[in-house]
């Protein structure tokens, strides 16, 4: 048995994201597993989704909204099965391939596993070994809960010091996790860095590249997955990396794993997030 865990707090993501993630995990994981959402509002979840009440960590609301600090609740003793290989997944990502190998690496190597933070697009011309190591990218974490409780305890001993020293939870994890192992680079892709081109090149080549070999595509920052799903001619993204209308392969994924989804709902969610 293995565990897949996600988090949701302050209604930052619609419940539909949790449902979609659960369905995508089922479709891409062959091993017997538990899918758990650690949340501050279990009552909002679909009844068939296993939830765990997020510990009250007394994190000020500002730092709940900025920095993703409540994510550290997954390391609190008693929240997750203590001795099961565990894979944490952010909700704003796509699972496009078999994820069994993530658990195989946790079992083989132990310790703490994470994405290596990507370098901006221009670094793609430089071999990976020569790119600056920017530390942990917190979207995909692997660990045995009983081995990583100190991550939680250290934060709880002095939150204010953590807030002063680190802007984001993943910066804290880069230090607090100690020795870490990075997932193989080819297993993942960043929608922002690997699928989009900078302005003005995105005007010449507007189609978002599909990373067909990546097991997981991570959406961090803007846009979120739901921003590129609805039908229509609308703009999404940032000032320098943007596009218009739906991205077909993201839309197909959404329709495949969330049979309750409709364009009108997604369009409203997109406008609300703008």
C-alpha atoms as a PDB file:
ATOM      1  CA  UNK A   1       0.000   0.000   0.000  1.00  0.00           C
ATOM      2  CA  UNK A   2       1.199   3.514  -0.841  1.00  0.00           C
ATOM      3  CA  UNK A   3      -0.254   6.976  -0.197  1.00  0.00           C
ATOM      4  CA  UNK A   4      -0.968   9.856  -2.557  1.00  0.00           C
ATOM      5  CA  UNK A   5      -1.750  13.106  -0.750  1.00  0.00           C
ATOM      6  CA  UNK A   6      -2.852  16.584  -1.778  1.00  0.00           C
ATOM      7  CA  UNK A   7      -3.794  19.660   0.262  1.00  0.00           C
ATOM      8  CA  UNK A   8      -6.561  22.252   0.026  1.00  0.00           C
ATOM      9  CA  UNK A   9      -7.096  25.224   2.339  1.00  0.00           C
ATOM     10  CA  UNK A  10      -8.943  28.557   2.269  1.00  0.00           C
ATOM     11  CA  UNK A  11     -10.798  27.326  -0.831  1.00  0.00           C
ATOM     12  CA  UNK A  12      -7.812  28.312  -2.966  1.00  0.00           C
ATOM     13  CA  UNK A  13      -8.827  25.650  -5.487  1.00  0.00           C
ATOM     14  CA  UNK A  14     -12.303  24.420  -6.422  1.00  0.00           C
ATOM     15  CA  UNK A  15     -13.279  20.995  -5.078  1.00  0.00           C
ATOM     16  CA  UNK A  16     -13.311  19.827  -8.687  1.00  0.00           C
ATOM     17  CA  UNK A  17      -9.494  19.975  -8.704  1.00  0.00           C
ATOM     18  CA  UNK A  18      -9.378  17.339  -5.960  1.00  0.00           C
ATOM     19  CA  UNK A  19     -11.838  15.115  -7.765  1.00  0.00           C
ATOM     20  CA  UNK A  20      -9.894  15.415 -11.013  1.00  0.00           C
ATOM     21  CA  UNK A  21      -6.613  14.640  -9.267  1.00  0.00           C
ATOM     22  CA  UNK A  22      -8.090  11.562  -7.596  1.00  0.00           C
ATOM     23  CA  UNK A  23      -9.370  10.264 -10.943  1.00  0.00           C
ATOM     24  CA  UNK A  24      -6.063  10.960 -12.709  1.00  0.00           C
ATOM     25  CA  UNK A  25      -4.146   9.105  -9.975  1.00  0.00           C
ATOM     26  CA  UNK A  26      -6.433   6.103 -10.360  1.00  0.00           C
ATOM     27  CA  UNK A  27      -5.811   6.076 -14.103  1.00  0.00           C
ATOM     28  CA  UNK A  28      -2.015   6.305 -13.803  1.00  0.00           C
ATOM     29  CA  UNK A  29      -1.082   4.298 -10.693  1.00  0.00           C
ATOM     30  CA  UNK A  30      -1.237   0.507 -10.776  1.00  0.00           C
ATOM     31  CA  UNK A  31      -0.344  -0.037  -7.117  1.00  0.00           C
ATOM     32  CA  UNK A  32      -2.853  -0.348  -4.309  1.00  0.00           C
ATOM     33  CA  UNK A  33      -3.070   3.092  -2.763  1.00  0.00           C
ATOM     34  CA  UNK A  34      -4.942   5.581  -0.602  1.00  0.00           C
ATOM     35  CA  UNK A  35      -5.718   8.990  -2.015  1.00  0.00           C
ATOM     36  CA  UNK A  36      -5.991  11.528   0.822  1.00  0.00           C
ATOM     37  CA  UNK A  37      -6.802  15.228   0.811  1.00  0.00           C
ATOM     38  CA  UNK A  38      -5.513  17.079   3.878  1.00  0.00           C
ATOM     39  CA  UNK A  39      -7.838  20.048   4.175  1.00  0.00           C
ATOM     40  CA  UNK A  40      -9.150  22.670   6.567  1.00  0.00           C
ATOM     41  CA  UNK A  41     -12.684  21.990   5.275  1.00  0.00           C
ATOM     42  CA  UNK A  42     -13.374  18.241   4.949  1.00  0.00           C
ATOM     43  CA  UNK A  43     -17.103  18.866   4.667  1.00  0.00           C
ATOM     44  CA  UNK A  44     -16.653  20.564   1.306  1.00  0.00           C
ATOM     45  CA  UNK A  45     -15.178  17.449  -0.312  1.00  0.00           C
ATOM     46  CA  UNK A  46     -17.050  14.839  -2.320  1.00  0.00           C
ATOM     47  CA  UNK A  47     -18.161  12.035  -0.039  1.00  0.00           C
ATOM     48  CA  UNK A  48     -16.095   9.430  -1.868  1.00  0.00           C
ATOM     49  CA  UNK A  49     -12.816  11.334  -1.340  1.00  0.00           C
ATOM     50  CA  UNK A  50     -10.878  10.411   1.796  1.00  0.00           C
ATOM     51  CA  UNK A  51     -10.064  13.494   3.819  1.00  0.00           C
ATOM     52  CA  UNK A  52      -7.957  14.296   6.868  1.00  0.00           C
ATOM     53  CA  UNK A  53      -8.507  17.415   8.939  1.00  0.00           C
ATOM     54  CA  UNK A  54      -5.573  19.784   8.487  1.00  0.00           C
ATOM     55  CA  UNK A  55      -3.926  20.509  11.852  1.00  0.00           C
ATOM     56  CA  UNK A  56      -4.514  24.021  13.152  1.00  0.00           C
ATOM     57  CA  UNK A  57      -0.992  25.346  12.840  1.00  0.00           C
ATOM     58  CA  UNK A  58      -1.961  28.912  13.856  1.00  0.00           C
ATOM     59  CA  UNK A  59      -0.518  30.299  10.633  1.00  0.00           C
ATOM     60  CA  UNK A  60      -1.608  33.915  10.065  1.00  0.00           C
ATOM     61  CA  UNK A  61      -4.014  34.259   7.130  1.00  0.00           C
ATOM     62  CA  UNK A  62      -1.513  36.297   5.103  1.00  0.00           C
ATOM     63  CA  UNK A  63       0.990  33.450   5.184  1.00  0.00           C
ATOM     64  CA  UNK A  64      -1.699  30.928   4.331  1.00  0.00           C
ATOM     65  CA  UNK A  65      -2.492  32.879   1.171  1.00  0.00           C
ATOM     66  CA  UNK A  66       1.119  33.620   0.261  1.00  0.00           C
ATOM     67  CA  UNK A  67       3.894  31.074   0.636  1.00  0.00           C
ATOM     68  CA  UNK A  68       1.900  27.799   0.789  1.00  0.00           C
ATOM     69  CA  UNK A  69       2.939  27.239   4.421  1.00  0.00           C
ATOM     70  CA  UNK A  70      -0.110  25.063   5.335  1.00  0.00           C
ATOM     71  CA  UNK A  71       1.331  22.431   2.999  1.00  0.00           C
ATOM     72  CA  UNK A  72       3.791  21.574   5.788  1.00  0.00           C
ATOM     73  CA  UNK A  73       0.858  19.944   7.617  1.00  0.00           C
ATOM     74  CA  UNK A  74       1.499  16.757   5.633  1.00  0.00           C
ATOM     75  CA  UNK A  75       4.627  16.217   7.763  1.00  0.00           C
ATOM     76  CA  UNK A  76       2.761  16.460  11.086  1.00  0.00           C
ATOM     77  CA  UNK A  77       2.792  13.157  13.012  1.00  0.00           C
ATOM     78  CA  UNK A  78      -0.496  11.295  12.774  1.00  0.00           C
ATOM     79  CA  UNK A  79      -1.772  13.027   9.637  1.00  0.00           C
ATOM     80  CA  UNK A  80      -0.664  10.336   7.160  1.00  0.00           C
ATOM     81  CA  UNK A  81       0.111   6.613   7.478  1.00  0.00           C
ATOM     82  CA  UNK A  82       3.550   6.789   9.096  1.00  0.00           C
ATOM     83  CA  UNK A  83       5.406   4.055   7.256  1.00  0.00           C
ATOM     84  CA  UNK A  84       3.879   4.076   3.780  1.00  0.00           C
ATOM     85  CA  UNK A  85       5.761   5.499   0.784  1.00  0.00           C
ATOM     86  CA  UNK A  86       3.995   8.811   0.194  1.00  0.00           C
ATOM     87  CA  UNK A  87       3.748  11.041  -2.860  1.00  0.00           C
ATOM     88  CA  UNK A  88       2.540  14.607  -2.395  1.00  0.00           C
ATOM     89  CA  UNK A  89       1.051  16.314  -5.471  1.00  0.00           C
ATOM     90  CA  UNK A  90      -0.020  19.934  -5.870  1.00  0.00           C
ATOM     91  CA  UNK A  91      -3.517  20.257  -7.303  1.00  0.00           C
ATOM     92  CA  UNK A  92      -2.530  22.413 -10.275  1.00  0.00           C
ATOM     93  CA  UNK A  93      -0.810  19.766 -12.363  1.00  0.00           C
ATOM     94  CA  UNK A  94      -1.523  17.070 -14.940  1.00  0.00           C
ATOM     95  CA  UNK A  95      -0.654  13.381 -14.521  1.00  0.00           C
ATOM     96  CA  UNK A  96       0.030  12.113 -18.042  1.00  0.00           C
ATOM     97  CA  UNK A  97       1.919   8.873 -17.469  1.00  0.00           C
ATOM     98  CA  UNK A  98       2.415   5.996 -15.054  1.00  0.00           C
ATOM     99  CA  UNK A  99       3.575   7.251 -11.646  1.00  0.00           C
ATOM    100  CA  UNK A 100       4.590   3.897 -10.148  1.00  0.00           C
ATOM    101  CA  UNK A 101       8.297   4.815 -10.620  1.00  0.00           C
ATOM    102  CA  UNK A 102       7.977   7.679  -8.133  1.00  0.00           C
ATOM    103  CA  UNK A 103       7.151   5.173  -5.393  1.00  0.00           C
ATOM    104  CA  UNK A 104       9.855   2.790  -6.548  1.00  0.00           C
ATOM    105  CA  UNK A 105      12.450   5.541  -6.023  1.00  0.00           C
ATOM    106  CA  UNK A 106      11.114   6.335  -2.555  1.00  0.00           C
ATOM    107  CA  UNK A 107      11.329   2.651  -1.582  1.00  0.00           C
ATOM    108  CA  UNK A 108      14.769   2.183  -3.110  1.00  0.00           C
ATOM    109  CA  UNK A 109      16.519   5.301  -1.821  1.00  0.00           C
ATOM    110  CA  UNK A 110      14.496   6.473   1.191  1.00  0.00           C
ATOM    111  CA  UNK A 111      14.931  10.050   2.325  1.00  0.00           C
ATOM    112  CA  UNK A 112      13.270  13.117   0.850  1.00  0.00           C
ATOM    113  CA  UNK A 113      12.494  13.420  -2.867  1.00  0.00           C
ATOM    114  CA  UNK A 114      11.530  16.581  -4.700  1.00  0.00           C
ATOM    115  CA  UNK A 115      11.541  18.380  -7.990  1.00  0.00           C
ATOM    116  CA  UNK A 116      14.585  20.452  -8.674  1.00  0.00           C
ATOM    117  CA  UNK A 117      13.396  24.030  -9.212  1.00  0.00           C
ATOM    118  CA  UNK A 118      13.529  24.793 -12.908  1.00  0.00           C
ATOM    119  CA  UNK A 119      15.780  27.420 -14.376  1.00  0.00           C
ATOM    120  CA  UNK A 120      14.262  29.999 -16.731  1.00  0.00           C
ATOM    121  CA  UNK A 121      13.875  28.965 -20.356  1.00  0.00           C
ATOM    122  CA  UNK A 122      17.171  30.438 -21.583  1.00  0.00           C
ATOM    123  CA  UNK A 123      19.062  27.920 -19.419  1.00  0.00           C
ATOM    124  CA  UNK A 124      17.710  25.090 -21.610  1.00  0.00           C
ATOM    125  CA  UNK A 125      20.737  25.638 -23.872  1.00  0.00           C
ATOM    126  CA  UNK A 126      23.075  24.734 -20.993  1.00  0.00           C
ATOM    127  CA  UNK A 127      23.607  21.132 -19.780  1.00  0.00           C
ATOM    128  CA  UNK A 128      21.611  20.383 -16.611  1.00  0.00           C
ATOM    129  CA  UNK A 129      24.781  19.717 -14.603  1.00  0.00           C
ATOM    130  CA  UNK A 130      25.966  23.292 -15.269  1.00  0.00           C
ATOM    131  CA  UNK A 131      22.726  25.078 -14.406  1.00  0.00           C
ATOM    132  CA  UNK A 132      22.424  26.771 -10.986  1.00  0.00           C
ATOM    133  CA  UNK A 133      20.741  24.550  -8.406  1.00  0.00           C
ATOM    134  CA  UNK A 134      17.807  26.674  -7.212  1.00  0.00           C
ATOM    135  CA  UNK A 135      16.708  24.145  -4.591  1.00  0.00           C
ATOM    136  CA  UNK A 136      13.382  22.404  -4.097  1.00  0.00           C
ATOM    137  CA  UNK A 137      10.329  23.005  -6.267  1.00  0.00           C
ATOM    138  CA  UNK A 138       7.486  21.984  -3.962  1.00  0.00           C
ATOM    139  CA  UNK A 139       4.909  20.570  -6.389  1.00  0.00           C
ATOM    140  CA  UNK A 140       5.903  16.877  -6.160  1.00  0.00           C
ATOM    141  CA  UNK A 141       7.362  15.496  -2.925  1.00  0.00           C
ATOM    142  CA  UNK A 142       8.197  11.927  -1.950  1.00  0.00           C
ATOM    143  CA  UNK A 143       8.909  10.652   1.570  1.00  0.00           C
ATOM    144  CA  UNK A 144       8.108   8.259   4.408  1.00  0.00           C
ATOM    145  CA  UNK A 145       6.089  10.375   6.888  1.00  0.00           C
ATOM    146  CA  UNK A 146       7.655   8.932  10.044  1.00  0.00           C
ATOM    147  CA  UNK A 147      11.115   9.904   8.743  1.00  0.00           C
ATOM    148  CA  UNK A 148      10.319  13.554   7.997  1.00  0.00           C
ATOM    149  CA  UNK A 149       8.395  14.792  11.058  1.00  0.00           C
ATOM    150  CA  UNK A 150      11.222  17.162  11.999  1.00  0.00           C
ATOM    151  CA  UNK A 151      10.268  19.312   8.993  1.00  0.00           C
ATOM    152  CA  UNK A 152       6.984  20.033  10.775  1.00  0.00           C
ATOM    153  CA  UNK A 153       8.444  20.340  14.269  1.00  0.00           C
ATOM    154  CA  UNK A 154      11.157  22.792  13.223  1.00  0.00           C
ATOM    155  CA  UNK A 155       8.561  25.052  11.592  1.00  0.00           C
ATOM    156  CA  UNK A 156       6.258  24.909  14.591  1.00  0.00           C
ATOM    157  CA  UNK A 157       9.068  25.766  17.034  1.00  0.00           C
ATOM    158  CA  UNK A 158       9.582  29.194  15.449  1.00  0.00           C
ATOM    159  CA  UNK A 159       7.226  30.148  12.641  1.00  0.00           C
ATOM    160  CA  UNK A 160       8.200  33.811  12.728  1.00  0.00           C
ATOM    161  CA  UNK A 161      11.834  32.982  12.061  1.00  0.00           C
ATOM    162  CA  UNK A 162      10.766  30.867   9.087  1.00  0.00           C
ATOM    163  CA  UNK A 163       8.597  33.647   7.685  1.00  0.00           C
ATOM    164  CA  UNK A 164      11.475  36.099   8.015  1.00  0.00           C
ATOM    165  CA  UNK A 165      14.055  33.835   6.439  1.00  0.00           C
ATOM    166  CA  UNK A 166      12.020  32.224   3.659  1.00  0.00           C
ATOM    167  CA  UNK A 167       9.465  33.649   1.238  1.00  0.00           C
ATOM    168  CA  UNK A 168       7.998  30.277   0.291  1.00  0.00           C
ATOM    169  CA  UNK A 169       7.520  26.847   1.827  1.00  0.00           C
ATOM    170  CA  UNK A 170       9.759  25.307  -0.827  1.00  0.00           C
ATOM    171  CA  UNK A 171      12.647  27.555   0.194  1.00  0.00           C
ATOM    172  CA  UNK A 172      12.185  26.318   3.740  1.00  0.00           C
ATOM    173  CA  UNK A 173      12.053  22.711   2.508  1.00  0.00           C
ATOM    174  CA  UNK A 174      15.332  23.176   0.642  1.00  0.00           C
ATOM    175  CA  UNK A 175      16.991  23.701   4.046  1.00  0.00           C
ATOM    176  CA  UNK A 176      14.802  21.726   6.444  1.00  0.00           C
ATOM    177  CA  UNK A 177      14.698  18.505   4.446  1.00  0.00           C
ATOM    178  CA  UNK A 178      18.448  18.150   4.680  1.00  0.00           C
ATOM    179  CA  UNK A 179      19.804  15.625   2.197  1.00  0.00           C
ATOM    180  CA  UNK A 180      17.431  15.405  -0.747  1.00  0.00           C
ATOM    181  CA  UNK A 181      17.108  13.454  -3.967  1.00  0.00           C
ATOM    182  CA  UNK A 182      15.764  15.087  -7.098  1.00  0.00           C
ATOM    183  CA  UNK A 183      13.301  13.295  -9.347  1.00  0.00           C
ATOM    184  CA  UNK A 184      14.706  12.459 -12.802  1.00  0.00           C
ATOM    185  CA  UNK A 185      14.512  15.639 -14.846  1.00  0.00           C
ATOM    186  CA  UNK A 186      12.739  14.009 -17.800  1.00  0.00           C
ATOM    187  CA  UNK A 187       9.802  12.818 -15.658  1.00  0.00           C
ATOM    188  CA  UNK A 188       8.311  16.273 -15.315  1.00  0.00           C
ATOM    189  CA  UNK A 189       7.734  19.433 -17.304  1.00  0.00           C
ATOM    190  CA  UNK A 190       6.802  22.985 -16.409  1.00  0.00           C
ATOM    191  CA  UNK A 191       3.941  24.387 -18.477  1.00  0.00           C
ATOM    192  CA  UNK A 192       5.387  27.870 -18.066  1.00  0.00           C
ATOM    193  CA  UNK A 193       9.002  27.062 -18.895  1.00  0.00           C
ATOM    194  CA  UNK A 194       8.735  24.113 -21.292  1.00  0.00           C
ATOM    195  CA  UNK A 195       5.476  24.617 -23.184  1.00  0.00           C
ATOM    196  CA  UNK A 196       5.329  28.377 -23.833  1.00  0.00           C
ATOM    197  CA  UNK A 197       7.527  30.848 -25.689  1.00  0.00           C
ATOM    198  CA  UNK A 198       8.375  34.383 -24.663  1.00  0.00           C
ATOM    199  CA  UNK A 199       6.792  37.373 -26.351  1.00  0.00           C
ATOM    200  CA  UNK A 200       7.112  38.148 -29.272  1.00  0.00           C
ATOM    201  CA  UNK A 201       7.983  34.578 -30.315  1.00  0.00           C
ATOM    202  CA  UNK A 202       4.655  33.350 -28.926  1.00  0.00           C
ATOM    203  CA  UNK A 203       2.979  35.546 -31.545  1.00  0.00           C
ATOM    204  CA  UNK A 204       4.768  33.603 -34.283  1.00  0.00           C
ATOM    205  CA  UNK A 205       4.365  30.206 -32.583  1.00  0.00           C
ATOM    206  CA  UNK A 206       1.215  30.535 -30.440  1.00  0.00           C
ATOM    207  CA  UNK A 207       0.550  26.830 -29.925  1.00  0.00           C
ATOM    208  CA  UNK A 208       1.551  25.503 -26.478  1.00  0.00           C
ATOM    209  CA  UNK A 209       4.034  22.663 -26.914  1.00  0.00           C
ATOM    210  CA  UNK A 210       2.813  19.303 -25.611  1.00  0.00           C
ATOM    211  CA  UNK A 211       5.512  17.583 -23.484  1.00  0.00           C
ATOM    212  CA  UNK A 212       4.608  14.059 -24.529  1.00  0.00           C
ATOM    213  CA  UNK A 213       7.365  12.300 -22.569  1.00  0.00           C
ATOM    214  CA  UNK A 214       6.651  13.940 -19.202  1.00  0.00           C
ATOM    215  CA  UNK A 215       4.806  11.869 -16.625  1.00  0.00           C
ATOM    216  CA  UNK A 216       3.587  15.038 -14.902  1.00  0.00           C
ATOM    217  CA  UNK A 217       3.137  18.588 -16.182  1.00  0.00           C
ATOM    218  CA  UNK A 218       3.277  21.221 -13.455  1.00  0.00           C
ATOM    219  CA  UNK A 219       1.400  24.526 -13.605  1.00  0.00           C
ATOM    220  CA  UNK A 220       3.031  27.007 -11.232  1.00  0.00           C
ATOM    221  CA  UNK A 221       2.139  30.662 -11.185  1.00  0.00           C
ATOM    222  CA  UNK A 222       0.022  31.717 -14.165  1.00  0.00           C
ATOM    223  CA  UNK A 223      -1.792  30.216 -15.932  1.00  0.00           C
ATOM    224  CA  UNK A 224      -3.530  27.532 -13.900  1.00  0.00           C
ATOM    225  CA  UNK A 225      -4.840  24.475 -15.786  1.00  0.00           C
ATOM    226  CA  UNK A 226      -8.447  25.675 -15.663  1.00  0.00           C
ATOM    227  CA  UNK A 227      -7.378  28.939 -17.334  1.00  0.00           C
ATOM    228  CA  UNK A 228      -6.583  27.141 -20.606  1.00  0.00           C
ATOM    229  CA  UNK A 229      -9.545  24.741 -20.712  1.00  0.00           C
ATOM    230  CA  UNK A 230     -12.780  26.659 -21.565  1.00  0.00           C
ATOM    231  CA  UNK A 231     -13.841  27.212 -25.148  1.00  0.00           C
ATOM    232  CA  UNK A 232     -13.606  30.781 -26.418  1.00  0.00           C
ATOM    233  CA  UNK A 233     -11.131  33.441 -27.499  1.00  0.00           C
ATOM    234  CA  UNK A 234      -9.699  34.770 -24.260  1.00  0.00           C
ATOM    235  CA  UNK A 235      -6.196  35.629 -23.077  1.00  0.00           C
ATOM    236  CA  UNK A 236      -4.350  33.774 -20.316  1.00  0.00           C
ATOM    237  CA  UNK A 237      -0.839  33.781 -18.861  1.00  0.00           C
ATOM    238  CA  UNK A 238       1.617  36.511 -17.900  1.00  0.00           C
ATOM    239  CA  UNK A 239       2.815  39.676 -19.597  1.00  0.00           C
ATOM    240  CA  UNK A 240       5.675  37.886 -21.374  1.00  0.00           C
ATOM    241  CA  UNK A 241       4.280  34.350 -21.679  1.00  0.00           C
ATOM    242  CA  UNK A 242       0.659  34.190 -22.741  1.00  0.00           C
ATOM    243  CA  UNK A 243      -1.780  32.609 -25.164  1.00  0.00           C
ATOM    244  CA  UNK A 244      -5.391  32.647 -26.263  1.00  0.00           C
ATOM    245  CA  UNK A 245      -8.268  30.206 -25.938  1.00  0.00           C
ATOM    246  CA  UNK A 246      -8.139  26.545 -24.934  1.00  0.00           C
ATOM    247  CA  UNK A 247      -5.031  24.357 -25.092  1.00  0.00           C
ATOM    248  CA  UNK A 248      -6.417  21.212 -26.695  1.00  0.00           C
ATOM    249  CA  UNK A 249      -4.335  18.628 -24.831  1.00  0.00           C
ATOM    250  CA  UNK A 250      -5.080  20.236 -21.448  1.00  0.00           C
ATOM    251  CA  UNK A 251      -8.783  20.424 -22.277  1.00  0.00           C
ATOM    252  CA  UNK A 252      -8.830  16.753 -23.337  1.00  0.00           C
ATOM    253  CA  UNK A 253      -7.209  15.780 -20.029  1.00  0.00           C
ATOM    254  CA  UNK A 254      -9.754  17.782 -18.044  1.00  0.00           C
ATOM    255  CA  UNK A 255     -12.720  16.224 -19.834  1.00  0.00           C
ATOM    256  CA  UNK A 256     -11.249  12.748 -19.427  1.00  0.00           C
ATOM    257  CA  UNK A 257     -10.856  12.937 -15.650  1.00  0.00           C
ATOM    258  CA  UNK A 258     -13.767  15.135 -14.557  1.00  0.00           C
ATOM    259  CA  UNK A 259     -17.058  13.989 -16.046  1.00  0.00           C
ATOM    260  CA  UNK A 260     -18.962  16.666 -14.094  1.00  0.00           C
ATOM    261  CA  UNK A 261     -17.072  19.530 -15.694  1.00  0.00           C
ATOM    262  CA  UNK A 262     -18.877  21.993 -17.976  1.00  0.00           C
ATOM    263  CA  UNK A 263     -17.574  25.014 -19.876  1.00  0.00           C
ATOM    264  CA  UNK A 264     -19.841  27.487 -18.116  1.00  0.00           C
ATOM    265  CA  UNK A 265     -18.501  26.481 -14.698  1.00  0.00           C
ATOM    266  CA  UNK A 266     -14.888  26.629 -15.857  1.00  0.00           C
ATOM    267  CA  UNK A 267     -15.376  30.009 -17.487  1.00  0.00           C
ATOM    268  CA  UNK A 268     -16.741  31.421 -14.216  1.00  0.00           C
ATOM    269  CA  UNK A 269     -13.824  29.918 -12.263  1.00  0.00           C
ATOM    270  CA  UNK A 270     -11.359  31.425 -14.720  1.00  0.00           C
ATOM    271  CA  UNK A 271     -12.899  34.873 -14.413  1.00  0.00           C
ATOM    272  CA  UNK A 272     -12.942  34.642 -10.624  1.00  0.00           C
ATOM    273  CA  UNK A 273      -9.250  33.770 -10.520  1.00  0.00           C
ATOM    274  CA  UNK A 274      -8.287  36.606 -12.885  1.00  0.00           C
END
